[in-house]
């Protein structure tokens, strides 16, 4: 499953913990945004890990599924992507 995970974590320590967990599974595309190509079971485990590190009352984590059709419609303004994940069994190309 390809997805984008973005987060807003107020505490520096918790934010670093969330970022480190995401760095093990994906590619940072912005300061608080990661693109992942991950198995659903691995995603569930990752989200459990993140959920144990955030303060539910103040912090936010958003998981946005990236579909093949949606990926074809991605537009970058400015400098563009720094890195990209290799396509996994995809029937499309990102240009």
Protein backbone atom coordinates (compact mmCIF):
# COMPACT_ATOMS: atom_id res chain seq x y z
CA UNK A 1 0.00 0.00 0.00
CA UNK A 2 1.32 3.37 -0.95
CA UNK A 3 0.43 6.22 1.39
CA UNK A 4 1.41 9.64 2.62
CA UNK A 5 1.69 10.16 6.37
CA UNK A 6 1.78 13.70 7.72
CA UNK A 7 2.00 14.70 11.33
CA UNK A 8 1.80 17.67 13.68
CA UNK A 9 3.44 16.76 16.98
CA UNK A 10 4.01 19.57 19.46
CA UNK A 11 6.72 18.05 21.67
CA UNK A 12 10.26 17.82 20.23
CA UNK A 13 11.00 14.41 21.78
CA UNK A 14 7.75 12.84 20.60
CA UNK A 15 8.19 14.43 17.15
CA UNK A 16 11.68 12.88 16.82
CA UNK A 17 10.29 9.47 17.85
CA UNK A 18 7.55 9.68 15.22
CA UNK A 19 10.03 10.81 12.56
CA UNK A 20 12.44 7.96 13.37
CA UNK A 21 9.64 5.39 13.14
CA UNK A 22 8.61 6.78 9.75
CA UNK A 23 12.20 7.00 8.46
CA UNK A 24 12.50 3.22 8.89
CA UNK A 25 9.56 2.66 6.54
CA UNK A 26 9.43 5.53 4.09
CA UNK A 27 10.94 8.56 2.41
CA UNK A 28 10.70 12.04 3.93
CA UNK A 29 9.12 14.38 1.37
CA UNK A 30 8.65 17.38 3.69
CA UNK A 31 9.66 18.11 7.29
CA UNK A 32 6.57 16.38 8.68
CA UNK A 33 5.52 14.25 5.71
CA UNK A 34 6.62 10.79 4.58
CA UNK A 35 5.76 8.72 1.53
CA UNK A 36 5.58 4.98 2.19
CA UNK A 37 5.12 1.84 0.14
CA UNK A 38 4.23 -0.64 2.85
CA UNK A 39 2.30 -3.86 3.42
CA UNK A 40 -1.02 -3.31 5.25
CA UNK A 41 0.13 -5.43 8.21
CA UNK A 42 3.35 -3.42 8.49
CA UNK A 43 1.34 -0.20 8.30
CA UNK A 44 -0.89 -1.35 11.17
CA UNK A 45 2.20 -2.10 13.27
CA UNK A 46 3.78 1.25 12.38
CA UNK A 47 0.60 3.10 13.34
CA UNK A 48 0.47 1.24 16.67
CA UNK A 49 4.05 2.33 17.33
CA UNK A 50 3.25 5.94 16.46
CA UNK A 51 0.04 5.92 18.48
CA UNK A 52 2.04 4.86 21.55
CA UNK A 53 4.34 7.86 21.12
CA UNK A 54 1.92 10.73 20.52
CA UNK A 55 -0.28 12.74 22.87
CA UNK A 56 -3.77 12.04 21.51
CA UNK A 57 -5.18 15.28 22.92
CA UNK A 58 -2.71 17.57 21.13
CA UNK A 59 -0.88 15.70 18.35
CA UNK A 60 -2.17 14.69 14.92
CA UNK A 61 -1.13 12.01 12.44
CA UNK A 62 -2.92 11.70 9.10
CA UNK A 63 -2.60 8.71 6.75
CA UNK A 64 -3.56 9.45 3.14
CA UNK A 65 -3.80 6.42 0.82
CA UNK A 66 -2.15 7.08 -2.55
CA UNK A 67 -3.98 5.33 -5.36
CA UNK A 68 -2.56 4.72 -8.83
CA UNK A 69 -5.01 7.25 -10.28
CA UNK A 70 -4.23 9.79 -7.58
CA UNK A 71 -0.48 9.39 -8.07
CA UNK A 72 -0.88 10.17 -11.76
CA UNK A 73 -2.45 13.48 -10.76
CA UNK A 74 0.26 14.60 -8.32
CA UNK A 75 1.67 18.03 -9.16
CA UNK A 76 4.79 19.54 -7.62
CA UNK A 77 5.29 23.29 -7.50
CA UNK A 78 8.68 24.79 -6.72
CA UNK A 79 11.72 22.55 -6.28
CA UNK A 80 9.80 19.31 -6.72
CA UNK A 81 10.40 15.96 -5.04
CA UNK A 82 13.76 15.22 -3.46
CA UNK A 83 13.37 11.44 -3.65
CA UNK A 84 10.78 8.95 -4.71
CA UNK A 85 10.03 5.38 -3.77
CA UNK A 86 10.44 2.78 -6.48
CA UNK A 87 7.17 1.56 -7.90
CA UNK A 88 6.10 -1.80 -6.49
CA UNK A 89 4.11 -3.91 -8.95
CA UNK A 90 2.63 -0.77 -10.47
CA UNK A 91 1.03 -0.45 -13.87
CA UNK A 92 1.89 3.22 -14.17
CA UNK A 93 4.93 5.50 -14.37
CA UNK A 94 5.61 8.69 -12.42
CA UNK A 95 7.29 11.32 -14.54
